[in-house]
PDB file of all heavy atoms in Angstrom:
ATOM      1  N   GLN A   1       5.582  -6.909  10.387  1.00  0.00           N
ATOM      2  CA  GLN A   1       4.602  -7.652   9.701  1.00  0.00           C
ATOM      3  C   GLN A   1       4.394  -7.195   8.346  1.00  0.00           C
ATOM      4  O   GLN A   1       4.293  -8.016   7.426  1.00  0.00           O
ATOM      5  CB  GLN A   1       3.278  -7.489  10.537  1.00  0.00           C
ATOM      6  CG  GLN A   1       2.237  -8.407  10.043  1.00  0.00           C
ATOM      7  CD  GLN A   1       0.948  -8.279  10.977  1.00  0.00           C
ATOM      8  OE1 GLN A   1       0.678  -7.228  11.620  1.00  0.00           O
ATOM      9  NE2 GLN A   1       0.135  -9.304  10.941  1.00  0.00           N
ATOM     10  N   VAL A   2       4.358  -5.915   8.054  1.00  0.00           N
ATOM     11  CA  VAL A   2       4.205  -5.324   6.653  1.00  0.00           C
ATOM     12  C   VAL A   2       5.300  -5.772   5.816  1.00  0.00           C
ATOM     13  O   VAL A   2       5.198  -6.228   4.659  1.00  0.00           O
ATOM     14  CB  VAL A   2       4.016  -3.867   6.738  1.00  0.00           C
ATOM     15  CG1 VAL A   2       4.095  -3.338   5.378  1.00  0.00           C
ATOM     16  CG2 VAL A   2       2.775  -3.445   7.424  1.00  0.00           C
ATOM     17  N   ILE A   3       6.606  -5.719   6.356  1.00  0.00           N
ATOM     18  CA  ILE A   3       7.691  -6.157   5.505  1.00  0.00           C
ATOM     19  C   ILE A   3       7.708  -7.620   5.200  1.00  0.00           C
ATOM     20  O   ILE A   3       7.921  -8.051   4.078  1.00  0.00           O
ATOM     21  CB  ILE A   3       9.032  -5.812   6.273  1.00  0.00           C
ATOM     22  CG1 ILE A   3       9.253  -4.328   6.504  1.00  0.00           C
ATOM     23  CG2 ILE A   3      10.314  -6.423   5.626  1.00  0.00           C
ATOM     24  CD1 ILE A   3      10.346  -4.003   7.399  1.00  0.00           C
ATOM     25  N   PHE A   4       7.387  -8.457   6.178  1.00  0.00           N
ATOM     26  CA  PHE A   4       7.339  -9.874   5.992  1.00  0.00           C
ATOM     27  C   PHE A   4       6.315 -10.220   4.859  1.00  0.00           C
ATOM     28  O   PHE A   4       6.582 -11.033   3.881  1.00  0.00           O
ATOM     29  CB  PHE A   4       7.063 -10.605   7.182  1.00  0.00           C
ATOM     30  CG  PHE A   4       7.109 -12.154   7.101  1.00  0.00           C
ATOM     31  CD1 PHE A   4       8.316 -12.786   7.045  1.00  0.00           C
ATOM     32  CD2 PHE A   4       5.944 -12.876   6.957  1.00  0.00           C
ATOM     33  CE1 PHE A   4       8.311 -14.136   6.990  1.00  0.00           C
ATOM     34  CE2 PHE A   4       5.864 -14.259   6.733  1.00  0.00           C
ATOM     35  CZ  PHE A   4       7.229 -14.980   6.894  1.00  0.00           C
ATOM     36  N   VAL A   5       5.118  -9.587   5.055  1.00  0.00           N
ATOM     37  CA  VAL A   5       3.976 -10.011   4.146  1.00  0.00           C
ATOM     38  C   VAL A   5       4.351  -9.386   2.757  1.00  0.00           C
ATOM     39  O   VAL A   5       4.076 -10.020   1.763  1.00  0.00           O
ATOM     40  CB  VAL A   5       2.674  -9.308   4.590  1.00  0.00           C
ATOM     41  CG1 VAL A   5       1.541  -9.578   3.600  1.00  0.00           C
ATOM     42  CG2 VAL A   5       2.283 -10.129   5.942  1.00  0.00           C
ATOM     43  N   GLY A   6       4.899  -8.192   2.649  1.00  0.00           N
ATOM     44  CA  GLY A   6       5.232  -7.549   1.556  1.00  0.00           C
ATOM     45  C   GLY A   6       6.271  -8.300   0.621  1.00  0.00           C
ATOM     46  O   GLY A   6       6.304  -8.234  -0.595  1.00  0.00           O
ATOM     47  N   ALA A   7       7.252  -8.930   1.375  1.00  0.00           N
ATOM     48  CA  ALA A   7       8.305  -9.688   0.649  1.00  0.00           C
ATOM     49  C   ALA A   7       7.950 -11.091   0.475  1.00  0.00           C
ATOM     50  O   ALA A   7       8.221 -11.709  -0.628  1.00  0.00           O
ATOM     51  CB  ALA A   7       9.613  -9.568   1.531  1.00  0.00           C
ATOM     52  N   PHE A   8       7.384 -11.797   1.427  1.00  0.00           N
ATOM     53  CA  PHE A   8       7.140 -13.258   1.362  1.00  0.00           C
ATOM     54  C   PHE A   8       5.701 -13.677   1.388  1.00  0.00           C
ATOM     55  O   PHE A   8       5.416 -14.933   1.231  1.00  0.00           O
ATOM     56  CB  PHE A   8       7.847 -13.971   2.565  1.00  0.00           C
ATOM     57  CG  PHE A   8       9.354 -13.626   2.754  1.00  0.00           C
ATOM     58  CD1 PHE A   8       9.669 -12.742   3.642  1.00  0.00           C
ATOM     59  CD2 PHE A   8      10.272 -14.093   1.774  1.00  0.00           C
ATOM     60  CE1 PHE A   8      11.026 -12.428   3.793  1.00  0.00           C
ATOM     61  CE2 PHE A   8      11.623 -13.751   1.883  1.00  0.00           C
ATOM     62  CZ  PHE A   8      12.086 -12.940   2.824  1.00  0.00           C
ATOM     63  N   GLY A   9       4.787 -12.829   1.356  1.00  0.00           N
ATOM     64  CA  GLY A   9       3.405 -13.126   1.344  1.00  0.00           C
ATOM     65  C   GLY A   9       2.980 -13.760  -0.053  1.00  0.00           C
ATOM     66  O   GLY A   9       3.787 -13.773  -1.026  1.00  0.00           O
ATOM     67  N   PRO A  10       1.653 -14.196  -0.119  1.00  0.00           N
ATOM     68  CA  PRO A  10       1.311 -14.737  -1.340  1.00  0.00           C
ATOM     69  C   PRO A  10       1.469 -13.829  -2.562  1.00  0.00           C
ATOM     70  O   PRO A  10       1.744 -14.307  -3.693  1.00  0.00           O
ATOM     71  CB  PRO A  10      -0.214 -15.091  -1.124  1.00  0.00           C
ATOM     72  CG  PRO A  10      -0.278 -15.184   0.311  1.00  0.00           C
ATOM     73  CD  PRO A  10       0.722 -14.271   0.903  1.00  0.00           C
ATOM     74  N   GLU A  11       1.147 -12.464  -2.422  1.00  0.00           N
ATOM     75  CA  GLU A  11       1.459 -11.585  -3.466  1.00  0.00           C
ATOM     76  C   GLU A  11       2.713 -10.732  -3.146  1.00  0.00           C
ATOM     77  O   GLU A  11       2.774  -9.553  -3.666  1.00  0.00           O
ATOM     78  CB  GLU A  11       0.187 -10.631  -3.453  1.00  0.00           C
ATOM     79  CG  GLU A  11      -1.077 -11.349  -3.842  1.00  0.00           C
ATOM     80  CD  GLU A  11      -1.043 -11.906  -5.239  1.00  0.00           C
ATOM     81  OE1 GLU A  11      -0.386 -11.356  -6.133  1.00  0.00           O
ATOM     82  OE2 GLU A  11      -1.779 -12.975  -5.387  1.00  0.00           O
ATOM     83  N   GLY A  12       3.739 -11.334  -2.478  1.00  0.00           N
ATOM     84  CA  GLY A  12       4.913 -10.652  -2.074  1.00  0.00           C
ATOM     85  C   GLY A  12       5.827 -10.297  -3.314  1.00  0.00           C
ATOM     86  O   GLY A  12       5.734 -10.951  -4.390  1.00  0.00           O
ATOM     87  N   TYR A  13       6.616  -9.384  -3.167  1.00  0.00           N
ATOM     88  CA  TYR A  13       7.568  -8.886  -4.326  1.00  0.00           C
ATOM     89  C   TYR A  13       8.486 -10.040  -4.733  1.00  0.00           C
ATOM     90  O   TYR A  13       8.782 -10.110  -5.929  1.00  0.00           O
ATOM     91  CB  TYR A  13       8.321  -7.624  -3.877  1.00  0.00           C
ATOM     92  CG  TYR A  13       7.422  -6.449  -3.970  1.00  0.00           C
ATOM     93  CD1 TYR A  13       7.128  -5.843  -2.704  1.00  0.00           C
ATOM     94  CD2 TYR A  13       7.181  -5.771  -5.162  1.00  0.00           C
ATOM     95  CE1 TYR A  13       6.300  -4.712  -2.699  1.00  0.00           C
ATOM     96  CE2 TYR A  13       6.407  -4.572  -5.183  1.00  0.00           C
ATOM     97  CZ  TYR A  13       6.000  -4.004  -3.991  1.00  0.00           C
ATOM     98  OH  TYR A  13       5.207  -2.927  -3.971  1.00  0.00           O
ATOM     99  N   LEU A  14       8.962 -10.861  -3.814  1.00  0.00           N
ATOM    100  CA  LEU A  14       9.844 -11.870  -4.083  1.00  0.00           C
ATOM    101  C   LEU A  14       9.231 -12.970  -5.038  1.00  0.00           C
ATOM    102  O   LEU A  14       9.915 -13.334  -5.961  1.00  0.00           O
ATOM    103  CB  LEU A  14      10.434 -12.559  -2.799  1.00  0.00           C
ATOM    104  CG  LEU A  14      11.594 -13.546  -2.982  1.00  0.00           C
ATOM    105  CD1 LEU A  14      12.740 -12.742  -3.458  1.00  0.00           C
ATOM    106  CD2 LEU A  14      11.921 -14.206  -1.570  1.00  0.00           C
ATOM    107  N   TRP A  15       8.000 -13.289  -4.675  1.00  0.00           N
ATOM    108  CA  TRP A  15       7.314 -14.250  -5.537  1.00  0.00           C
ATOM    109  C   TRP A  15       6.949 -13.700  -6.986  1.00  0.00           C
ATOM    110  O   TRP A  15       6.861 -14.419  -7.907  1.00  0.00           O
ATOM    111  CB  TRP A  15       6.069 -14.877  -4.845  1.00  0.00           C
ATOM    112  CG  TRP A  15       6.384 -15.336  -3.483  1.00  0.00           C
ATOM    113  CD1 TRP A  15       5.656 -14.982  -2.260  1.00  0.00           C
ATOM    114  CD2 TRP A  15       7.255 -16.429  -3.066  1.00  0.00           C
ATOM    115  NE1 TRP A  15       6.211 -15.708  -1.202  1.00  0.00           N
ATOM    116  CE2 TRP A  15       7.310 -16.426  -1.671  1.00  0.00           C
ATOM    117  CE3 TRP A  15       8.289 -16.998  -3.825  1.00  0.00           C
ATOM    118  CZ2 TRP A  15       8.034 -17.347  -1.072  1.00  0.00           C
ATOM    119  CZ3 TRP A  15       9.169 -17.899  -3.024  1.00  0.00           C
ATOM    120  CH2 TRP A  15       8.971 -18.029  -1.704  1.00  0.00           C
ATOM    121  N   ARG A  16       6.627 -12.401  -6.864  1.00  0.00           N
ATOM    122  CA  ARG A  16       6.336 -11.715  -8.145  1.00  0.00           C
ATOM    123  C   ARG A  16       7.603 -11.782  -9.115  1.00  0.00           C
ATOM    124  O   ARG A  16       7.593 -12.129 -10.340  1.00  0.00           O
ATOM    125  CB  ARG A  16       6.035 -10.284  -8.017  1.00  0.00           C
ATOM    126  CG  ARG A  16       4.600 -10.138  -7.374  1.00  0.00           C
ATOM    127  CD  ARG A  16       4.277  -8.640  -7.272  1.00  0.00           C
ATOM    128  NE  ARG A  16       3.099  -8.389  -6.520  1.00  0.00           N
ATOM    129  CZ  ARG A  16       2.557  -7.114  -6.261  1.00  0.00           C
ATOM    130  NH1 ARG A  16       3.116  -6.058  -6.838  1.00  0.00           N
ATOM    131  NH2 ARG A  16       1.465  -7.057  -5.513  1.00  0.00           N
ATOM    132  N   PHE A  17       8.785 -11.491  -8.499  1.00  0.00           N
ATOM    133  CA  PHE A  17       9.967 -11.564  -9.282  1.00  0.00           C
ATOM    134  C   PHE A  17      10.361 -13.011  -9.803  1.00  0.00           C
ATOM    135  O   PHE A  17      10.659 -13.140 -11.069  1.00  0.00           O
ATOM    136  CB  PHE A  17      11.226 -11.097  -8.449  1.00  0.00           C
ATOM    137  CG  PHE A  17      12.438 -11.376  -9.124  1.00  0.00           C
ATOM    138  CD1 PHE A  17      12.867 -10.487 -10.090  1.00  0.00           C
ATOM    139  CD2 PHE A  17      13.433 -12.347  -8.701  1.00  0.00           C
ATOM    140  CE1 PHE A  17      14.213 -10.632 -10.810  1.00  0.00           C
ATOM    141  CE2 PHE A  17      14.643 -12.431  -9.292  1.00  0.00           C
ATOM    142  CZ  PHE A  17      14.997 -11.636 -10.408  1.00  0.00           C
ATOM    143  N   PHE A  18      10.105 -14.059  -8.981  1.00  0.00           N
ATOM    144  CA  PHE A  18      10.374 -15.401  -9.361  1.00  0.00           C
ATOM    145  C   PHE A  18       9.283 -15.685 -10.543  1.00  0.00           C
ATOM    146  O   PHE A  18       9.695 -16.437 -11.463  1.00  0.00           O
ATOM    147  CB  PHE A  18      10.152 -16.396  -8.248  1.00  0.00           C
ATOM    148  CG  PHE A  18      11.373 -16.344  -7.237  1.00  0.00           C
ATOM    149  CD1 PHE A  18      11.149 -16.547  -5.862  1.00  0.00           C
ATOM    150  CD2 PHE A  18      12.618 -15.987  -7.764  1.00  0.00           C
ATOM    151  CE1 PHE A  18      12.128 -16.569  -5.059  1.00  0.00           C
ATOM    152  CE2 PHE A  18      13.751 -16.011  -6.910  1.00  0.00           C
ATOM    153  CZ  PHE A  18      13.516 -16.198  -5.405  1.00  0.00           C
ATOM    154  N   GLY A  19       8.153 -15.220 -10.397  1.00  0.00           N
ATOM    155  CA  GLY A  19       7.098 -15.504 -11.436  1.00  0.00           C
ATOM    156  C   GLY A  19       7.525 -14.915 -12.790  1.00  0.00           C
ATOM    157  O   GLY A  19       7.432 -15.564 -13.846  1.00  0.00           O
ATOM    158  N   SER A  20       8.069 -13.624 -12.784  1.00  0.00           N
ATOM    159  CA  SER A  20       8.518 -13.011 -13.996  1.00  0.00           C
ATOM    160  C   SER A  20       9.759 -13.744 -14.515  1.00  0.00           C
ATOM    161  O   SER A  20       9.967 -13.798 -15.651  1.00  0.00           O
ATOM    162  CB  SER A  20       8.819 -11.610 -13.707  1.00  0.00           C
ATOM    163  OG  SER A  20       9.859 -11.475 -12.886  1.00  0.00           O
ATOM    164  N   LEU A  21      10.524 -14.334 -13.649  1.00  0.00           N
ATOM    165  CA  LEU A  21      11.736 -15.049 -13.982  1.00  0.00           C
ATOM    166  C   LEU A  21      11.377 -16.377 -14.736  1.00  0.00           C
ATOM    167  O   LEU A  21      11.966 -16.732 -15.864  1.00  0.00           O
ATOM    168  CB  LEU A  21      12.680 -15.275 -12.725  1.00  0.00           C
ATOM    169  CG  LEU A  21      14.143 -15.748 -13.125  1.00  0.00           C
ATOM    170  CD1 LEU A  21      14.811 -14.594 -13.791  1.00  0.00           C
ATOM    171  CD2 LEU A  21      14.780 -16.026 -11.730  1.00  0.00           C
ATOM    172  N   ILE A  22      10.405 -16.997 -14.200  1.00  0.00           N
ATOM    173  CA  ILE A  22       9.856 -18.311 -14.803  1.00  0.00           C
ATOM    174  C   ILE A  22       9.296 -17.987 -16.182  1.00  0.00           C
ATOM    175  O   ILE A  22       9.482 -18.803 -17.074  1.00  0.00           O
ATOM    176  CB  ILE A  22       8.921 -18.993 -13.857  1.00  0.00           C
ATOM    177  CG1 ILE A  22       9.534 -19.400 -12.592  1.00  0.00           C
ATOM    178  CG2 ILE A  22       8.136 -20.090 -14.521  1.00  0.00           C
ATOM    179  CD1 ILE A  22       8.613 -20.047 -11.480  1.00  0.00           C
ATOM    180  N   ASN A  23       8.669 -16.922 -16.348  1.00  0.00           N
ATOM    181  CA  ASN A  23       8.009 -16.519 -17.641  1.00  0.00           C
ATOM    182  C   ASN A  23       9.096 -16.077 -18.589  1.00  0.00           C
ATOM    183  O   ASN A  23       8.640 -15.745 -19.769  1.00  0.00           O
ATOM    184  CB  ASN A  23       6.975 -15.448 -17.424  1.00  0.00           C
ATOM    185  CG  ASN A  23       5.744 -16.032 -16.615  1.00  0.00           C
ATOM    186  OD1 ASN A  23       5.500 -17.240 -16.652  1.00  0.00           O
ATOM    187  ND2 ASN A  23       5.133 -15.159 -15.780  1.00  0.00           N
ATOM    188  N   GLY A  24      10.317 -15.992 -18.316  1.00  0.00           N
ATOM    189  CA  GLY A  24      11.322 -15.592 -19.189  1.00  0.00           C
ATOM    190  C   GLY A  24      11.490 -14.140 -19.375  1.00  0.00           C
ATOM    191  O   GLY A  24      12.200 -13.556 -20.172  1.00  0.00           O
ATOM    192  N   MET A  25      10.759 -13.223 -18.556  1.00  0.00           N
ATOM    193  CA  MET A  25      10.812 -11.852 -18.577  1.00  0.00           C
ATOM    194  C   MET A  25      11.018 -11.324 -17.237  1.00  0.00           C
ATOM    195  O   MET A  25      10.158 -10.808 -16.506  1.00  0.00           O
ATOM    196  CB  MET A  25       9.594 -11.177 -19.177  1.00  0.00           C
ATOM    197  CG  MET A  25       9.274 -11.669 -20.651  1.00  0.00           C
ATOM    198  SD  MET A  25       7.722 -10.952 -21.147  1.00  0.00           S
ATOM    199  CE  MET A  25       8.003  -9.194 -21.267  1.00  0.00           C
ATOM    200  N   PRO A  26      12.273 -11.398 -16.669  1.00  0.00           N
ATOM    201  CA  PRO A  26      12.522 -11.002 -15.255  1.00  0.00           C
ATOM    202  C   PRO A  26      12.370  -9.546 -15.073  1.00  0.00           C
ATOM    203  O   PRO A  26      12.828  -8.744 -15.853  1.00  0.00           O
ATOM    204  CB  PRO A  26      14.015 -11.391 -15.083  1.00  0.00           C
ATOM    205  CG  PRO A  26      14.727 -11.470 -16.499  1.00  0.00           C
ATOM    206  CD  PRO A  26      13.401 -11.955 -17.395  1.00  0.00           C
ATOM    207  N   ASN A  27      11.505  -9.172 -14.121  1.00  0.00           N
ATOM    208  CA  ASN A  27      11.255  -7.684 -13.808  1.00  0.00           C
ATOM    209  C   ASN A  27      11.875  -7.390 -12.555  1.00  0.00           C
ATOM    210  O   ASN A  27      11.518  -7.731 -11.369  1.00  0.00           O
ATOM    211  CB  ASN A  27       9.729  -7.576 -13.613  1.00  0.00           C
ATOM    212  CG  ASN A  27       9.339  -6.102 -13.514  1.00  0.00           C
ATOM    213  OD1 ASN A  27      10.143  -5.297 -13.258  1.00  0.00           O
ATOM    214  ND2 ASN A  27       8.030  -5.798 -13.724  1.00  0.00           N
ATOM    215  N   PHE A  28      13.069  -6.716 -12.730  1.00  0.00           N
ATOM    216  CA  PHE A  28      13.886  -6.446 -11.445  1.00  0.00           C
ATOM    217  C   PHE A  28      13.363  -5.220 -10.696  1.00  0.00           C
ATOM    218  O   PHE A  28      13.865  -4.945  -9.517  1.00  0.00           O
ATOM    219  CB  PHE A  28      15.279  -5.931 -11.942  1.00  0.00           C
ATOM    220  CG  PHE A  28      16.067  -7.091 -12.480  1.00  0.00           C
ATOM    221  CD1 PHE A  28      16.127  -7.265 -13.916  1.00  0.00           C
ATOM    222  CD2 PHE A  28      16.731  -7.985 -11.594  1.00  0.00           C
ATOM    223  CE1 PHE A  28      16.896  -8.420 -14.435  1.00  0.00           C
ATOM    224  CE2 PHE A  28      17.458  -9.127 -12.101  1.00  0.00           C
ATOM    225  CZ  PHE A  28      17.494  -9.368 -13.599  1.00  0.00           C
ATOM    226  N   GLU A  29      12.262  -4.593 -11.177  1.00  0.00           N
ATOM    227  CA  GLU A  29      11.592  -3.627 -10.300  1.00  0.00           C
ATOM    228  C   GLU A  29      10.879  -4.169  -9.090  1.00  0.00           C
ATOM    229  O   GLU A  29      10.778  -3.561  -8.017  1.00  0.00           O
ATOM    230  CB  GLU A  29      10.446  -2.906 -11.156  1.00  0.00           C
ATOM    231  CG  GLU A  29      11.039  -1.990 -12.279  1.00  0.00           C
ATOM    232  CD  GLU A  29       9.926  -1.281 -13.011  1.00  0.00           C
ATOM    233  OE1 GLU A  29       8.711  -1.376 -12.521  1.00  0.00           O
ATOM    234  OE2 GLU A  29      10.313  -0.496 -14.018  1.00  0.00           O
ATOM    235  N   TYR A  30      10.639  -5.491  -9.215  1.00  0.00           N
ATOM    236  CA  TYR A  30      10.039  -6.150  -7.985  1.00  0.00           C
ATOM    237  C   TYR A  30      11.065  -6.249  -6.842  1.00  0.00           C
ATOM    238  O   TYR A  30      10.720  -6.413  -5.663  1.00  0.00           O
ATOM    239  CB  TYR A  30       9.512  -7.495  -8.331  1.00  0.00           C
ATOM    240  CG  TYR A  30       8.359  -7.519  -9.291  1.00  0.00           C
ATOM    241  CD1 TYR A  30       8.141  -8.459 -10.339  1.00  0.00           C
ATOM    242  CD2 TYR A  30       7.307  -6.524  -9.027  1.00  0.00           C
ATOM    243  CE1 TYR A  30       6.988  -8.338 -11.089  1.00  0.00           C
ATOM    244  CE2 TYR A  30       6.134  -6.567  -9.816  1.00  0.00           C
ATOM    245  CZ  TYR A  30       6.033  -7.421 -10.884  1.00  0.00           C
ATOM    246  OH  TYR A  30       4.924  -7.448 -11.660  1.00  0.00           O
TER     247      TYR A  30
END
């Protein structure tokens, strides 16, 4: 449950990375 929420939840790392990618500053730390 923690892994799923951490990766795909509203504040998950995957969406954070996509957000940084859209903004033109990809943050691979996510």
